[in-house]
Amino acid sequence: MINITPKAVDKIVEMMVSSTSKAARQMPALRLGVQGGGCSGFSYSMQWDEDDQGPMDKMFTFDKGLRVIVDATSLMYLDGVTIDYLETLEASGFKFDNPNVKSTCGCGQSFSA
């Protein structure tokens, strides 16, 4: 199960609608994944998707019609994750609260499971 807070859903939909890329506006799904890399071993990836769900992909639907596609391998690392969007004086961005993470790097951009 993947959880996305209402604030994060709002931000994703806003980005999708206001994207200057015509292709992104026509891609109604967000592909969420985990890829190798970063100083701790894994990093999160978020990209627009053509809503092309593969046979091993899982589709999640959220408020405002937001659809999120996750491949089976990434789902092992993302099961139970909560994604939020934070805005502070120092920075803004998506925050992943992932119960599967054993450690993170100093910059917070990668993790190990």
Foldseek 3Di string as FASTA:
>chain_A
DEAEDPQRVVVVVVCQCPPPDPVSVQQQEKEWFWDADDPAGIFIDIDGDNPDADPQWDWDADPPRYIYIYGNVRCVFRPPKYWYWDDDPVDTDIDIDTPNFPAADPVRGGTDD
